[in-house]
C-alpha atoms as a PDB file:
ATOM      1  CA  MET A   1       0.016  -0.102   0.149  1.00  0.00           C
ATOM      2  CA  GLU A   2       2.907   2.484   0.920  1.00  0.00           C
ATOM      3  CA  SER A   3       4.737   1.647  -2.304  1.00  0.00           C
ATOM      4  CA  VAL A   4       1.425   2.744  -4.352  1.00  0.00           C
ATOM      5  CA  ARG A   5       1.020   5.525  -2.260  1.00  0.00           C
ATOM      6  CA  ARG A   6       4.365   6.899  -3.157  1.00  0.00           C
ATOM      7  CA  TRP A   7       3.980   5.761  -7.051  1.00  0.00           C
ATOM      8  CA  TRP A   8       0.931   8.090  -7.292  1.00  0.00           C
ATOM      9  CA  GLN A   9       2.922  10.917  -5.234  1.00  0.00           C
ATOM     10  CA  ASP A  10       5.438  10.912  -7.914  1.00  0.00           C
ATOM     11  CA  LEU A  11       2.782  10.606 -11.022  1.00  0.00           C
ATOM     12  CA  SER A  12       0.287  13.551  -9.290  1.00  0.00           C
ATOM     13  CA  GLY A  13       3.595  15.921  -9.037  1.00  0.00           C
ATOM     14  CA  LEU A  14       4.241  15.073 -12.185  1.00  0.00           C
ATOM     15  CA  VAL A  15       1.242  15.491 -14.734  1.00  0.00           C
ATOM     16  CA  LEU A  16      -1.454  17.265 -12.575  1.00  0.00           C
ATOM     17  CA  PRO A  17      -1.983  20.928 -12.890  1.00  0.00           C
ATOM     18  CA  ALA A  18       0.055  22.534  -9.927  1.00  0.00           C
ATOM     19  CA  GLU A  19       0.328  25.654  -7.779  1.00  0.00           C
ATOM     20  CA  CYS A  20       3.350  27.495  -6.559  1.00  0.00           C
ATOM     21  CA  GLY A  21       5.150  25.712  -3.449  1.00  0.00           C
ATOM     22  CA  GLY A  22       5.938  29.247  -2.296  1.00  0.00           C
ATOM     23  CA  CYS A  23       2.989  31.249  -2.360  1.00  0.00           C
ATOM     24  CA  GLY A  24       0.333  29.260  -4.395  1.00  0.00           C
ATOM     25  CA  THR A  25      -0.117  31.019  -7.541  1.00  0.00           C
ATOM     26  CA  ALA A  26      -2.063  28.683  -9.808  1.00  0.00           C
ATOM     27  CA  ARG A  27      -0.858  26.420 -12.537  1.00  0.00           C
ATOM     28  CA  THR A  28       3.094  26.882 -11.887  1.00  0.00           C
ATOM     29  CA  VAL A  29       5.401  24.395  -9.724  1.00  0.00           C
ATOM     30  CA  LEU A  30       7.431  27.841  -8.948  1.00  0.00           C
ATOM     31  CA  CYS A  31       6.829  31.092  -9.572  1.00  0.00           C
ATOM     32  CA  ALA A  32       9.572  33.285 -10.640  1.00  0.00           C
ATOM     33  CA  GLU A  33       9.581  35.467  -7.426  1.00  0.00           C
ATOM     34  CA  CYS A  34       9.549  32.019  -5.188  1.00  0.00           C
ATOM     35  CA  ARG A  35      12.125  30.944  -7.509  1.00  0.00           C
ATOM     36  CA  ALA A  36      14.828  33.863  -6.890  1.00  0.00           C
ATOM     37  CA  ALA A  37      13.687  33.615  -2.951  1.00  0.00           C
ATOM     38  CA  LEU A  38      15.146  29.897  -3.364  1.00  0.00           C
ATOM     39  CA  HIS A  39      17.935  30.338  -5.769  1.00  0.00           C
ATOM     40  CA  GLY A  40      18.990  34.331  -5.907  1.00  0.00           C
ATOM     41  CA  GLY A  41      21.076  34.451  -3.022  1.00  0.00           C
ATOM     42  CA  VAL A  42      24.777  33.680  -2.785  1.00  0.00           C
ATOM     43  CA  PRO A  43      25.171  30.083  -0.330  1.00  0.00           C
ATOM     44  CA  ARG A  44      26.690  31.476   2.870  1.00  0.00           C
ATOM     45  CA  ARG A  45      28.443  29.652   5.667  1.00  0.00           C
ATOM     46  CA  VAL A  46      25.999  29.584   8.780  1.00  0.00           C
ATOM     47  CA  ARG A  47      25.962  29.032  12.370  1.00  0.00           C
ATOM     48  CA  PRO A  48      23.277  28.100  14.680  1.00  0.00           C
ATOM     49  CA  ASP A  49      23.365  29.816  18.290  1.00  0.00           C
ATOM     50  CA  PRO A  50      24.326  27.655  20.459  1.00  0.00           C
ATOM     51  CA  GLU A  51      26.598  25.573  18.267  1.00  0.00           C
ATOM     52  CA  PRO A  52      26.719  22.260  18.957  1.00  0.00           C
ATOM     53  CA  PRO A  53      29.904  20.101  19.509  1.00  0.00           C
ATOM     54  CA  GLY A  54      31.031  18.457  16.655  1.00  0.00           C
ATOM     55  CA  LEU A  55      29.025  20.449  13.782  1.00  0.00           C
ATOM     56  CA  PRO A  56      31.193  20.872  10.818  1.00  0.00           C
ATOM     57  CA  ALA A  57      31.024  23.784   8.500  1.00  0.00           C
ATOM     58  CA  VAL A  58      27.635  24.443   7.377  1.00  0.00           C
ATOM     59  CA  HIS A  59      26.467  26.182   3.956  1.00  0.00           C
ATOM     60  CA  ALA A  60      23.124  27.078   3.257  1.00  0.00           C
ATOM     61  CA  ALA A  61      21.337  28.307   0.240  1.00  0.00           C
ATOM     62  CA  ALA A  62      18.576  30.368   1.333  1.00  0.00           C
ATOM     63  CA  ARG A  63      16.988  32.110   4.605  1.00  0.00           C
ATOM     64  CA  TYR A  64      13.935  29.417   5.971  1.00  0.00           C
ATOM     65  CA  ALA A  65      11.417  32.240   6.132  1.00  0.00           C
ATOM     66  CA  ASP A  66       8.654  33.214   4.027  1.00  0.00           C
ATOM     67  CA  GLU A  67       8.452  31.983   0.360  1.00  0.00           C
ATOM     68  CA  VAL A  68      11.402  29.049   1.017  1.00  0.00           C
ATOM     69  CA  ARG A  69       9.786  27.871   4.224  1.00  0.00           C
ATOM     70  CA  ALA A  70       6.630  27.367   2.445  1.00  0.00           C
ATOM     71  CA  VAL A  71       8.307  25.541  -0.259  1.00  0.00           C
ATOM     72  CA  LEU A  72      10.130  23.257   2.128  1.00  0.00           C
ATOM     73  CA  LEU A  73       7.216  22.024   3.844  1.00  0.00           C
ATOM     74  CA  ALA A  74       5.117  21.672   0.872  1.00  0.00           C
ATOM     75  CA  HIS A  75       7.816  19.175  -0.499  1.00  0.00           C
ATOM     76  CA  LYS A  76       8.236  17.295   3.036  1.00  0.00           C
ATOM     77  CA  GLU A  77       4.770  17.474   4.471  1.00  0.00           C
ATOM     78  CA  ARG A  78       2.534  17.550   1.178  1.00  0.00           C
ATOM     79  CA  GLY A  79       4.574  15.222  -0.883  1.00  0.00           C
ATOM     80  CA  ALA A  80       5.082  18.247  -3.744  1.00  0.00           C
ATOM     81  CA  LEU A  81       7.734  16.251  -5.333  1.00  0.00           C
ATOM     82  CA  ALA A  82       7.887  18.761  -8.376  1.00  0.00           C
ATOM     83  CA  LEU A  83       9.753  20.980  -6.165  1.00  0.00           C
ATOM     84  CA  THR A  84      12.499  18.273  -5.731  1.00  0.00           C
ATOM     85  CA  ARG A  85      14.495  19.680  -8.582  1.00  0.00           C
ATOM     86  CA  PRO A  86      14.620  23.614  -7.627  1.00  0.00           C
ATOM     87  CA  LEU A  87      15.192  22.373  -4.097  1.00  0.00           C
ATOM     88  CA  GLY A  88      18.104  20.144  -5.546  1.00  0.00           C
ATOM     89  CA  THR A  89      19.242  22.837  -7.525  1.00  0.00           C
ATOM     90  CA  ALA A  90      19.687  25.207  -4.237  1.00  0.00           C
ATOM     91  CA  LEU A  91      21.204  22.148  -2.356  1.00  0.00           C
ATOM     92  CA  ALA A  92      24.051  21.805  -5.175  1.00  0.00           C
ATOM     93  CA  GLY A  93      24.876  25.874  -4.945  1.00  0.00           C
ATOM     94  CA  ALA A  94      25.269  25.238  -0.903  1.00  0.00           C
ATOM     95  CA  VAL A  95      27.710  22.131  -1.691  1.00  0.00           C
ATOM     96  CA  ARG A  96      29.487  23.728  -4.679  1.00  0.00           C
ATOM     97  CA  VAL A  97      30.243  27.173  -2.463  1.00  0.00           C
ATOM     98  CA  GLY A  98      31.223  25.036   0.502  1.00  0.00           C
ATOM     99  CA  LEU A  99      33.844  22.551  -1.297  1.00  0.00           C
ATOM    100  CA  GLY A 100      34.777  25.851  -3.674  1.00  0.00           C
ATOM    101  CA  GLU A 101      35.868  27.353  -0.365  1.00  0.00           C
ATOM    102  CA  ALA A 102      38.072  24.428   1.050  1.00  0.00           C
ATOM    103  CA  GLY A 103      39.654  24.089  -2.137  1.00  0.00           C
ATOM    104  CA  VAL A 104      37.911  20.749  -3.295  1.00  0.00           C
ATOM    105  CA  GLU A 105      36.689  21.640  -6.839  1.00  0.00           C
ATOM    106  CA  GLY A 106      39.751  20.853  -8.474  1.00  0.00           C
ATOM    107  CA  GLU A 107      40.753  24.491  -9.087  1.00  0.00           C
ATOM    108  CA  GLY A 108      44.826  24.744  -9.291  1.00  0.00           C
ATOM    109  CA  GLU A 109      45.307  21.078  -8.285  1.00  0.00           C
ATOM    110  CA  GLY A 110      45.025  19.309 -11.481  1.00  0.00           C
ATOM    111  CA  PRO A 111      42.172  17.684 -13.499  1.00  0.00           C
ATOM    112  CA  PRO A 112      39.594  16.359 -11.053  1.00  0.00           C
ATOM    113  CA  PRO A 113      38.937  12.285 -11.236  1.00  0.00           C
ATOM    114  CA  PRO A 114      36.158  11.602 -13.801  1.00  0.00           C
ATOM    115  CA  PRO A 115      32.387  10.817 -12.517  1.00  0.00           C
ATOM    116  CA  CYS A 116      32.018   8.320  -9.900  1.00  0.00           C
ATOM    117  CA  SER A 117      35.461   7.672  -8.954  1.00  0.00           C
ATOM    118  CA  PRO A 118      36.577   5.907  -5.657  1.00  0.00           C
ATOM    119  CA  ARG A 119      37.789   9.611  -5.038  1.00  0.00           C
ATOM    120  CA  ALA A 120      34.214  11.269  -6.034  1.00  0.00           C
ATOM    121  CA  VAL A 121      32.425  13.535  -3.591  1.00  0.00           C
ATOM    122  CA  LEU A 122      30.058  11.914  -1.388  1.00  0.00           C
ATOM    123  CA  LEU A 123      26.823  13.450  -0.164  1.00  0.00           C
ATOM    124  CA  VAL A 124      25.224  11.894   2.730  1.00  0.00           C
ATOM    125  CA  PRO A 125      22.141  12.976   3.600  1.00  0.00           C
ATOM    126  CA  VAL A 126      20.758  13.023   7.269  1.00  0.00           C
ATOM    127  CA  PRO A 127      17.865  10.251   7.335  1.00  0.00           C
ATOM    128  CA  SER A 128      14.454  11.476   8.745  1.00  0.00           C
ATOM    129  CA  ALA A 129      12.674   9.291  11.574  1.00  0.00           C
ATOM    130  CA  ARG A 130      11.023   6.042  10.086  1.00  0.00           C
ATOM    131  CA  ARG A 131       7.839   7.068  11.491  1.00  0.00           C
ATOM    132  CA  ALA A 132       7.886  10.209   9.721  1.00  0.00           C
ATOM    133  CA  THR A 133       9.155   8.696   6.189  1.00  0.00           C
ATOM    134  CA  ARG A 134       6.295   6.098   6.656  1.00  0.00           C
ATOM    135  CA  SER A 135       3.880   9.092   7.112  1.00  0.00           C
ATOM    136  CA  ARG A 136       4.937  11.143   4.509  1.00  0.00           C
ATOM    137  CA  GLY A 137       5.755   8.259   1.807  1.00  0.00           C
ATOM    138  CA  HIS A 138       9.020   9.761   1.417  1.00  0.00           C
ATOM    139  CA  ASP A 139      12.341  10.829   2.672  1.00  0.00           C
ATOM    140  CA  PRO A 140      13.096  14.433   1.961  1.00  0.00           C
ATOM    141  CA  ALA A 141      16.268  14.842   2.459  1.00  0.00           C
ATOM    142  CA  ARG A 142      17.381  11.866   0.502  1.00  0.00           C
ATOM    143  CA  ARG A 143      15.457  12.920  -2.692  1.00  0.00           C
ATOM    144  CA  ILE A 144      16.528  16.506  -2.382  1.00  0.00           C
ATOM    145  CA  ALA A 145      20.410  15.232  -2.346  1.00  0.00           C
ATOM    146  CA  PHE A 146      19.631  12.815  -5.497  1.00  0.00           C
ATOM    147  CA  ALA A 147      18.466  15.863  -7.496  1.00  0.00           C
ATOM    148  CA  ALA A 148      21.622  17.983  -5.698  1.00  0.00           C
ATOM    149  CA  ALA A 149      24.259  14.958  -7.251  1.00  0.00           C
ATOM    150  CA  ALA A 150      22.697  15.128 -10.659  1.00  0.00           C
ATOM    151  CA  GLU A 151      22.971  18.954 -10.700  1.00  0.00           C
ATOM    152  CA  LEU A 152      26.512  18.972  -9.463  1.00  0.00           C
ATOM    153  CA  ARG A 153      27.315  15.831 -12.076  1.00  0.00           C
ATOM    154  CA  ALA A 154      25.945  18.095 -14.953  1.00  0.00           C
ATOM    155  CA  ALA A 155      28.484  20.728 -13.759  1.00  0.00           C
ATOM    156  CA  GLY A 156      31.273  18.395 -13.951  1.00  0.00           C
ATOM    157  CA  MET A 157      31.392  17.529 -10.536  1.00  0.00           C
ATOM    158  CA  PRO A 158      32.239  13.867  -9.445  1.00  0.00           C
ATOM    159  CA  VAL A 159      29.577  13.317  -6.993  1.00  0.00           C
ATOM    160  CA  ARG A 160      27.660  10.718  -6.006  1.00  0.00           C
ATOM    161  CA  VAL A 161      24.952  10.150  -3.023  1.00  0.00           C
ATOM    162  CA  ALA A 162      25.956   7.486  -0.402  1.00  0.00           C
ATOM    163  CA  ALA A 163      22.820   7.050   2.250  1.00  0.00           C
ATOM    164  CA  VAL A 164      24.514   5.165   4.525  1.00  0.00           C
ATOM    165  CA  LEU A 165      23.196   6.525   8.101  1.00  0.00           C
ATOM    166  CA  ARG A 166      20.540   4.678   9.562  1.00  0.00           C
ATOM    167  CA  GLN A 167      18.237   5.366  12.833  1.00  0.00           C
ATOM    168  CA  ARG A 168      19.614   2.809  15.624  1.00  0.00           C
ATOM    169  CA  ARG A 169      16.747   3.783  18.186  1.00  0.00           C
ATOM    170  CA  PRO A 170      13.665   5.948  17.939  1.00  0.00           C
ATOM    171  CA  VAL A 171      13.708   9.375  18.691  1.00  0.00           C
ATOM    172  CA  ALA A 172      11.359  11.868  19.807  1.00  0.00           C
ATOM    173  CA  ASP A 173       9.643  14.390  17.651  1.00  0.00           C
ATOM    174  CA  GLN A 174      11.895  17.656  17.622  1.00  0.00           C
ATOM    175  CA  ALA A 175       9.192  20.031  17.200  1.00  0.00           C
ATOM    176  CA  GLY A 176       9.051  22.033  20.414  1.00  0.00           C
ATOM    177  CA  LEU A 177      12.355  20.931  21.810  1.00  0.00           C
ATOM    178  CA  ASN A 178      14.738  23.865  22.502  1.00  0.00           C
ATOM    179  CA  SER A 179      19.084  23.162  21.089  1.00  0.00           C
ATOM    180  CA  ARG A 180      19.822  21.552  24.586  1.00  0.00           C
ATOM    181  CA  GLN A 181      16.711  18.821  24.688  1.00  0.00           C
ATOM    182  CA  ARG A 182      17.686  17.995  20.667  1.00  0.00           C
ATOM    183  CA  LEU A 183      21.288  17.317  21.552  1.00  0.00           C
ATOM    184  CA  HIS A 184      19.956  14.650  24.132  1.00  0.00           C
ATOM    185  CA  ASN A 185      17.249  13.416  21.863  1.00  0.00           C
ATOM    186  CA  LEU A 186      19.336  12.727  18.976  1.00  0.00           C
ATOM    187  CA  VAL A 187      22.685  11.503  20.671  1.00  0.00           C
ATOM    188  CA  GLY A 188      23.806   7.908  19.355  1.00  0.00           C
ATOM    189  CA  ALA A 189      20.495   7.879  17.284  1.00  0.00           C
ATOM    190  CA  LEU A 190      22.511   7.652  14.028  1.00  0.00           C
ATOM    191  CA  ALA A 191      24.552   4.721  12.536  1.00  0.00           C
ATOM    192  CA  VAL A 192      26.902   4.150   9.591  1.00  0.00           C
ATOM    193  CA  ALA A 193      25.525   0.980   7.873  1.00  0.00           C
ATOM    194  CA  ALA A 194      27.313  -2.093   7.163  1.00  0.00           C
ATOM    195  CA  GLY A 195      30.116  -1.499   4.649  1.00  0.00           C
ATOM    196  CA  GLY A 196      29.326   2.320   4.352  1.00  0.00           C
ATOM    197  CA  ALA A 197      32.477   3.203   6.443  1.00  0.00           C
ATOM    198  CA  ARG A 198      34.754   1.801   3.616  1.00  0.00           C
ATOM    199  CA  LEU A 199      32.686   3.836   1.045  1.00  0.00           C
ATOM    200  CA  LEU A 200      33.175   7.046   2.979  1.00  0.00           C
ATOM    201  CA  ARG A 201      36.832   6.588   3.440  1.00  0.00           C
ATOM    202  CA  GLY A 202      37.477   6.325  -0.369  1.00  0.00           C
ATOM    203  CA  ALA A 203      35.736   9.825  -0.618  1.00  0.00           C
ATOM    204  CA  GLY A 204      37.358  12.809  -2.105  1.00  0.00           C
ATOM    205  CA  ALA A 205      35.286  14.598   0.586  1.00  0.00           C
ATOM    206  CA  VAL A 206      32.093  13.941   2.399  1.00  0.00           C
ATOM    207  CA  VAL A 207      29.245  16.032   2.608  1.00  0.00           C
ATOM    208  CA  LEU A 208      26.148  15.761   5.230  1.00  0.00           C
ATOM    209  CA  VAL A 209      23.194  17.165   3.628  1.00  0.00           C
ATOM    210  CA  ASP A 210      19.580  17.980   4.938  1.00  0.00           C
ATOM    211  CA  ASP A 211      16.759  20.543   3.652  1.00  0.00           C
ATOM    212  CA  VAL A 212      16.968  22.650   6.923  1.00  0.00           C
ATOM    213  CA  VAL A 213      19.275  23.496   9.740  1.00  0.00           C
ATOM    214  CA  THR A 214      17.843  24.929  12.972  1.00  0.00           C
ATOM    215  CA  THR A 215      19.777  23.915  16.337  1.00  0.00           C
ATOM    216  CA  GLY A 216      22.196  21.821  14.198  1.00  0.00           C
ATOM    217  CA  ALA A 217      21.733  18.788  16.329  1.00  0.00           C
ATOM    218  CA  SER A 218      20.546  16.640  13.623  1.00  0.00           C
ATOM    219  CA  LEU A 219      23.841  17.638  11.574  1.00  0.00           C
ATOM    220  CA  ALA A 220      26.179  17.133  14.641  1.00  0.00           C
ATOM    221  CA  GLU A 221      25.083  13.300  15.594  1.00  0.00           C
ATOM    222  CA  ALA A 222      25.160  12.712  11.852  1.00  0.00           C
ATOM    223  CA  ALA A 223      28.735  14.167  11.843  1.00  0.00           C
ATOM    224  CA  ARG A 224      29.531  11.606  15.032  1.00  0.00           C
ATOM    225  CA  ALA A 225      28.387   9.004  13.112  1.00  0.00           C
ATOM    226  CA  VAL A 226      30.489   9.302  10.148  1.00  0.00           C
ATOM    227  CA  ARG A 227      33.568   9.899  12.164  1.00  0.00           C
ATOM    228  CA  ALA A 228      33.124   6.987  14.376  1.00  0.00           C
ATOM    229  CA  ALA A 229      32.503   4.774  11.615  1.00  0.00           C
ATOM    230  CA  MET A 230      35.743   6.329   9.690  1.00  0.00           C
ATOM    231  CA  ALA A 231      38.057   6.251  12.770  1.00  0.00           C
ATOM    232  CA  GLY A 232      39.810   2.882  14.202  1.00  0.00           C
ATOM    233  CA  GLU A 233      39.313   1.902  17.244  1.00  0.00           C
ATOM    234  CA  ARG A 234      42.584   2.463  18.241  1.00  0.00           C
ATOM    235  CA  GLU A 235      42.416   6.121  16.825  1.00  0.00           C
ATOM    236  CA  VAL A 236      39.179   6.829  19.112  1.00  0.00           C
ATOM    237  CA  ARG A 237      40.706   5.292  22.228  1.00  0.00           C
ATOM    238  CA  ALA A 238      43.613   7.738  21.922  1.00  0.00           C
ATOM    239  CA  VAL A 239      41.198  10.371  21.849  1.00  0.00           C
ATOM    240  CA  VAL A 240      39.204   9.623  24.750  1.00  0.00           C
ATOM    241  CA  ARG A 241      42.500   8.670  26.594  1.00  0.00           C
ATOM    242  CA  ALA A 242      43.961  12.432  25.408  1.00  0.00           C
ATOM    243  CA  GLY A 243      40.821  14.104  26.705  1.00  0.00           C
ATOM    244  CA  ARG A 244      40.838  12.363  29.955  1.00  0.00           C
ATOM    245  CA  GLU A 245      44.360  13.126  30.536  1.00  0.00           C
ATOM    246  CA  GLU A 246      43.497  16.757  29.985  1.00  0.00           C
ATOM    247  CA  GLY A 247      40.393  16.638  32.449  1.00  0.00           C
ATOM    248  CA  VAL A 248      37.752  16.475  29.660  1.00  0.00           C
ATOM    249  CA  VAL A 249      35.071  14.050  29.246  1.00  0.00           C
ATOM    250  CA  ALA A 250      35.180  13.393  25.794  1.00  0.00           C
ATOM    251  CA  VAL A 251      31.452  14.013  23.931  1.00  0.00           C
ATOM    252  CA  TYR A 252      31.546  11.069  21.687  1.00  0.00           C
ATOM    253  CA  GLU A 253      33.153   8.633  24.034  1.00  0.00           C
ATOM    254  CA  GLY A 254      30.865   5.722  23.280  1.00  0.00           C
ATOM    255  CA  ALA A 255      32.015   5.806  19.384  1.00  0.00           C
ATOM    256  CA  VAL A 256      33.964   2.832  19.407  1.00  0.00           C
ATOM    257  CA  ARG A 257      30.285   1.370  20.336  1.00  0.00           C
ATOM    258  CA  GLU A 258      28.344   2.689  17.774  1.00  0.00           C
ATOM    259  CA  GLY A 259      27.196   6.009  19.979  1.00  0.00           C
ATOM    260  CA  ARG A 260      26.615   3.927  23.026  1.00  0.00           C
ATOM    261  CA  GLY A 261      27.070   5.548  26.151  1.00  0.00           C
ATOM    262  CA  VAL A 262      27.606   8.403  24.002  1.00  0.00           C
ATOM    263  CA  ARG A 263      27.388  11.868  26.392  1.00  0.00           C
ATOM    264  CA  PRO A 264      25.737  14.843  25.254  1.00  0.00           C
ATOM    265  CA  SER A 265      27.959  17.528  26.428  1.00  0.00           C
ATOM    266  CA  GLY A 266      31.503  17.847  27.628  1.00  0.00           C
ATOM    267  CA  VAL A 267      32.074  18.754  31.265  1.00  0.00           C
ATOM    268  CA  ARG A 268      35.031  19.043  33.487  1.00  0.00           C
ATOM    269  CA  LYS A 269      35.703  16.018  35.978  1.00  0.00           C
ATOM    270  CA  GLY A 270      34.527  17.961  39.008  1.00  0.00           C
ATOM    271  CA  GLY A 271      32.599  20.657  37.689  1.00  0.00           C
ATOM    272  CA  ALA A 272      29.543  21.338  36.008  1.00  0.00           C
ATOM    273  CA  GLY A 273      30.092  23.854  33.342  1.00  0.00           C
ATOM    274  CA  PRO A 274      30.590  23.482  29.395  1.00  0.00           C
ATOM    275  CA  VAL A 275      34.363  23.086  28.357  1.00  0.00           C
ATOM    276  CA  PRO A 276      35.745  22.812  24.887  1.00  0.00           C
ATOM    277  CA  VAL A 277      35.718  19.522  23.752  1.00  0.00           C
ATOM    278  CA  ARG A 278      37.048  17.392  20.795  1.00  0.00           C
ATOM    279  CA  ALA A 279      35.116  15.528  18.323  1.00  0.00           C
ATOM    280  CA  VAL A 280      36.191  11.947  17.584  1.00  0.00           C
ATOM    281  CA  GLY A 281      37.932  11.539  14.565  1.00  0.00           C
ATOM    282  CA  ALA A 282      37.832  15.307  13.482  1.00  0.00           C
ATOM    283  CA  ALA A 283      41.456  15.325  12.441  1.00  0.00           C
ATOM    284  CA  ARG A 284      41.030  12.408   9.922  1.00  0.00           C
ATOM    285  CA  THR A 285      37.483  12.251   8.319  1.00  0.00           C
ATOM    286  CA  GLY A 286      37.006  12.147   4.330  1.00  0.00           C
ATOM    287  CA  GLY A 287      39.677  12.488   1.567  1.00  0.00           C
ATOM    288  CA  PRO A 288      42.528  14.696   1.370  1.00  0.00           C
ATOM    289  CA  GLY A 289      42.518  16.537   4.822  1.00  0.00           C
ATOM    290  CA  GLY A 290      40.007  14.832   6.571  1.00  0.00           C
ATOM    291  CA  LEU A 291      37.293  17.239   4.997  1.00  0.00           C
ATOM    292  CA  LEU A 292      33.901  16.792   6.085  1.00  0.00           C
ATOM    293  CA  ARG A 293      31.488  19.295   5.477  1.00  0.00           C
ATOM    294  CA  ALA A 294      27.544  19.855   5.618  1.00  0.00           C
ATOM    295  CA  ALA A 295      25.347  21.599   3.242  1.00  0.00           C
ATOM    296  CA  VAL A 296      21.470  22.496   3.508  1.00  0.00           C
ATOM    297  CA  VAL A 297      18.768  24.224   1.348  1.00  0.00           C
ATOM    298  CA  ALA A 298      17.875  26.766   4.109  1.00  0.00           C
ATOM    299  CA  ALA A 299      18.901  28.063   7.870  1.00  0.00           C
ATOM    300  CA  PRO A 300      17.242  30.255  10.002  1.00  0.00           C
ATOM    301  CA  PRO A 301      17.884  34.306   9.065  1.00  0.00           C
ATOM    302  CA  ASP A 302      19.843  34.598  12.462  1.00  0.00           C
ATOM    303  CA  ALA A 303      22.153  31.615  11.627  1.00  0.00           C
ATOM    304  CA  PHE A 304      23.382  34.091   8.511  1.00  0.00           C
ATOM    305  CA  GLU A 305      23.860  36.982  10.980  1.00  0.00           C
ATOM    306  CA  MET A 306      26.145  34.185  13.561  1.00  0.00           C
ATOM    307  CA  ASN A 307      28.860  33.900  10.532  1.00  0.00           C
ATOM    308  CA  ARG A 308      31.807  35.824  11.387  1.00  0.00           C
ATOM    309  CA  ASN A 309      33.912  34.714   8.483  1.00  0.00           C
END
């Protein structure tokens, strides 16, 4: 029954008369004004406030407000699948800028590897909760990731989608939770599927992708899972041991057990205040230079203002 529903959503989104996902203008998937709101700006680095430990550099294409918010909700909650392509185009722009700032587009570094080579850029979508995917009939981030990958390949970037993250346990609905509650809710919730670590280690760069970032908790947990999968057990234990010697309890102490016993925040032994913490495997994640980035379609306006680069 679920497969029939997904098939009908795909078909209806393509062939039935549509209205603009942003403003409701009839007979158009996305009007010129709403398309400009989604694609008209230059993707920028964004930072939630407070910024969760272990969050990689995040780039967003647009501000999560007004028409852009309506477009994302129409795609996610109402199954307006015709919006997948324009959302993928926006995400591709954020990926391109994020990697370009890190010098990963091949400029001045010799020719890029061929498409789908072992050193390709990997887009790793943050998975929705299982019950949300069942209710919606699709996984929005995964769908947008494939659209973004197609856009980037058409522009000559060697990129693949690696949907290797899995939910390890049920999580509560994030709506209504503050940033600290979201961290507690998600910590240890994700793991990399069997065989995924080898694929990640062979990448030229790993980019975590999602439709929107708010507190950054989901992307931080995804980054933890990726780092834990890619770091050897010896490396993880060395980081934990070094943290203990410095009087710091490692945030991701349970990484060698795929997140079991993970602590949601760093505290100094004998004290209650937050202190700087190490992210397990942060120094060697992804391809050259251990590159791990994140890209989203949209972020709250104040997250753009937090960027001080």
